[in-house]
Amino acid sequence: MAFSDPQSITVSGTPYSLPRVNSGGNSSEYRDATGLVDLSASHAYGRRTRRVLRVDWSKISADVFLPAENVESSLSTYMVFDIPKVGFTNAEIKAVYAGFKTLYTASSDALIDKLLGGES
């Protein structure tokens, strides 16, 4: 089953609509009209269940070596749930996620600022 269509994400106050562009098996993909913003959700089943929610973000900017030319740069950020086949309910998994989210969003995302600055 896929998420509702379209999905949306707001970055730096700008909303982006992401219509579904692919769905099948254990994954779905959503992309904005420019092709620069991509959201995907996927599930892999094996000894453990792996659930991934991922945003791929691209932008076009001047090449630092050839300023007259533009290049595409991209980044990805994603969340992975790596779950054993037995032992945890969805409610327990969500509770661990909620604690984790509280940790990294505390004090205006200070932990993320430190991580992006190279701290560990």
Protein backbone atom coordinates (compact mmCIF):
# COMPACT_ATOMS: atom_id res chain seq x y z
CA MET A 1 0.00 0.00 0.00
CA ALA A 2 1.36 3.42 -0.97
CA PHE A 3 1.18 6.74 0.90
CA SER A 4 -1.44 9.28 -0.15
CA ASP A 5 -0.73 11.05 -3.43
CA PRO A 6 0.71 13.62 -3.61
CA GLN A 7 3.08 13.92 -0.66
CA SER A 8 4.48 17.32 0.30
CA ILE A 9 7.57 18.65 2.02
CA THR A 10 8.34 22.20 3.12
CA VAL A 11 11.98 23.30 3.15
CA SER A 12 13.03 26.80 4.25
CA GLY A 13 9.39 27.90 4.17
CA THR A 14 8.82 26.70 0.59
CA PRO A 15 6.32 23.87 0.06
CA TYR A 16 7.01 21.23 -2.60
CA SER A 17 4.31 18.95 -3.99
CA LEU A 18 5.56 15.44 -4.69
CA PRO A 19 3.22 13.36 -6.87
CA ARG A 20 3.77 9.61 -6.98
CA VAL A 21 5.94 8.64 -9.95
CA ASN A 22 6.56 4.99 -9.15
CA SER A 23 4.91 2.36 -6.99
CA GLY A 24 5.35 -1.35 -6.92
CA GLY A 25 6.29 -4.24 -4.78
CA ASN A 26 7.67 -2.88 -1.56
CA SER A 27 8.45 0.72 -2.52
CA SER A 28 7.00 4.00 -3.75
CA GLU A 29 8.64 7.14 -5.11
CA TYR A 30 7.37 10.72 -5.19
CA ARG A 31 9.00 13.57 -7.16
CA ASP A 32 8.42 17.28 -7.62
CA ALA A 33 7.85 18.81 -11.07
CA THR A 34 11.48 19.95 -11.41
CA GLY A 35 12.84 16.46 -10.75
CA LEU A 36 15.12 17.90 -8.06
CA VAL A 37 13.19 16.70 -4.99
CA ASP A 38 12.54 13.00 -4.47
CA LEU A 39 10.87 11.13 -1.60
CA SER A 40 10.96 7.35 -1.39
CA ALA A 41 9.68 4.72 0.99
CA SER A 42 10.86 1.13 0.81
CA HIS A 43 10.67 -2.12 2.74
CA ALA A 44 13.07 -5.07 2.62
CA TYR A 45 12.28 -8.40 4.21
CA GLY A 46 14.89 -10.96 5.22
CA ARG A 47 16.36 -12.02 8.54
CA ARG A 48 15.27 -8.56 9.69
CA THR A 49 12.77 -6.06 8.31
CA ARG A 50 14.26 -2.84 7.01
CA ARG A 51 11.99 0.17 6.46
CA VAL A 52 13.45 3.30 4.86
CA LEU A 53 12.04 6.79 4.35
CA ARG A 54 14.40 8.91 2.24
CA VAL A 55 14.58 12.40 0.74
CA ASP A 56 17.00 13.11 -2.10
CA TRP A 57 17.49 16.82 -2.76
CA SER A 58 19.32 18.35 -5.72
CA LYS A 59 20.08 21.88 -6.80
CA ILE A 60 21.69 23.54 -9.79
CA SER A 61 24.47 26.03 -9.03
CA ALA A 62 27.58 27.51 -10.58
CA ASP A 63 30.55 25.16 -10.88
CA VAL A 64 33.22 26.41 -8.44
CA PHE A 65 35.93 25.60 -10.99
CA LEU A 66 34.07 26.84 -14.08
CA PRO A 67 31.71 29.59 -12.82
CA ALA A 68 30.21 30.08 -16.29
CA GLU A 69 28.87 26.51 -16.14
CA ASN A 70 26.23 25.04 -13.87
CA VAL A 71 26.38 21.68 -12.10
CA GLU A 72 23.87 19.62 -10.20
CA SER A 73 24.66 18.90 -6.55
CA SER A 74 22.66 16.51 -4.42
CA LEU A 75 22.24 15.33 -0.86
CA SER A 76 20.21 12.64 0.83
CA THR A 77 18.77 12.29 4.27
CA TYR A 78 16.96 9.20 5.43
CA MET A 79 15.58 7.27 8.34
CA VAL A 80 16.00 3.53 8.69
CA PHE A 81 14.10 1.19 10.95
CA ASP A 82 16.01 -2.10 11.26
CA ILE A 83 13.60 -4.42 13.03
CA PRO A 84 13.89 -8.07 14.13
CA LYS A 85 11.15 -10.43 12.98
CA VAL A 86 9.85 -10.82 16.54
CA GLY A 87 10.22 -9.09 19.87
CA PHE A 88 8.88 -5.55 19.28
CA THR A 89 5.39 -4.26 18.62
CA ASN A 90 4.79 -1.31 16.30
CA ALA A 91 3.85 0.72 19.40
CA GLU A 92 7.22 -0.08 21.03
CA ILE A 93 9.10 0.78 17.83
CA LYS A 94 7.20 4.07 17.55
CA ALA A 95 7.99 4.86 21.22
CA VAL A 96 11.73 4.39 20.59
CA TYR A 97 11.43 6.59 17.48
CA ALA A 98 9.59 9.28 19.51
CA GLY A 99 12.40 9.31 22.08
CA PHE A 100 14.99 9.52 19.32
CA LYS A 101 13.10 12.36 17.61
CA THR A 102 12.90 14.25 20.92
CA LEU A 103 16.66 13.82 21.34
CA TYR A 104 17.61 15.23 17.95
CA THR A 105 15.01 18.02 17.83
CA ALA A 106 15.73 19.37 21.34
CA SER A 107 17.08 22.91 21.64
CA SER A 108 16.29 23.86 18.04
CA ASP A 109 17.97 20.78 16.57
CA ALA A 110 21.25 21.47 18.43
CA LEU A 111 22.33 17.82 18.16
CA ILE A 112 21.93 17.94 14.36
CA ASP A 113 23.98 21.18 14.22
CA LYS A 114 26.72 19.42 16.17
CA LEU A 115 26.54 16.30 13.97
CA LEU A 116 26.73 18.40 10.79
CA GLY A 117 29.71 20.20 12.35
CA GLY A 118 31.56 16.89 12.71
CA GLU A 119 30.97 16.26 16.41
CA SER A 120 30.28 12.79 17.73
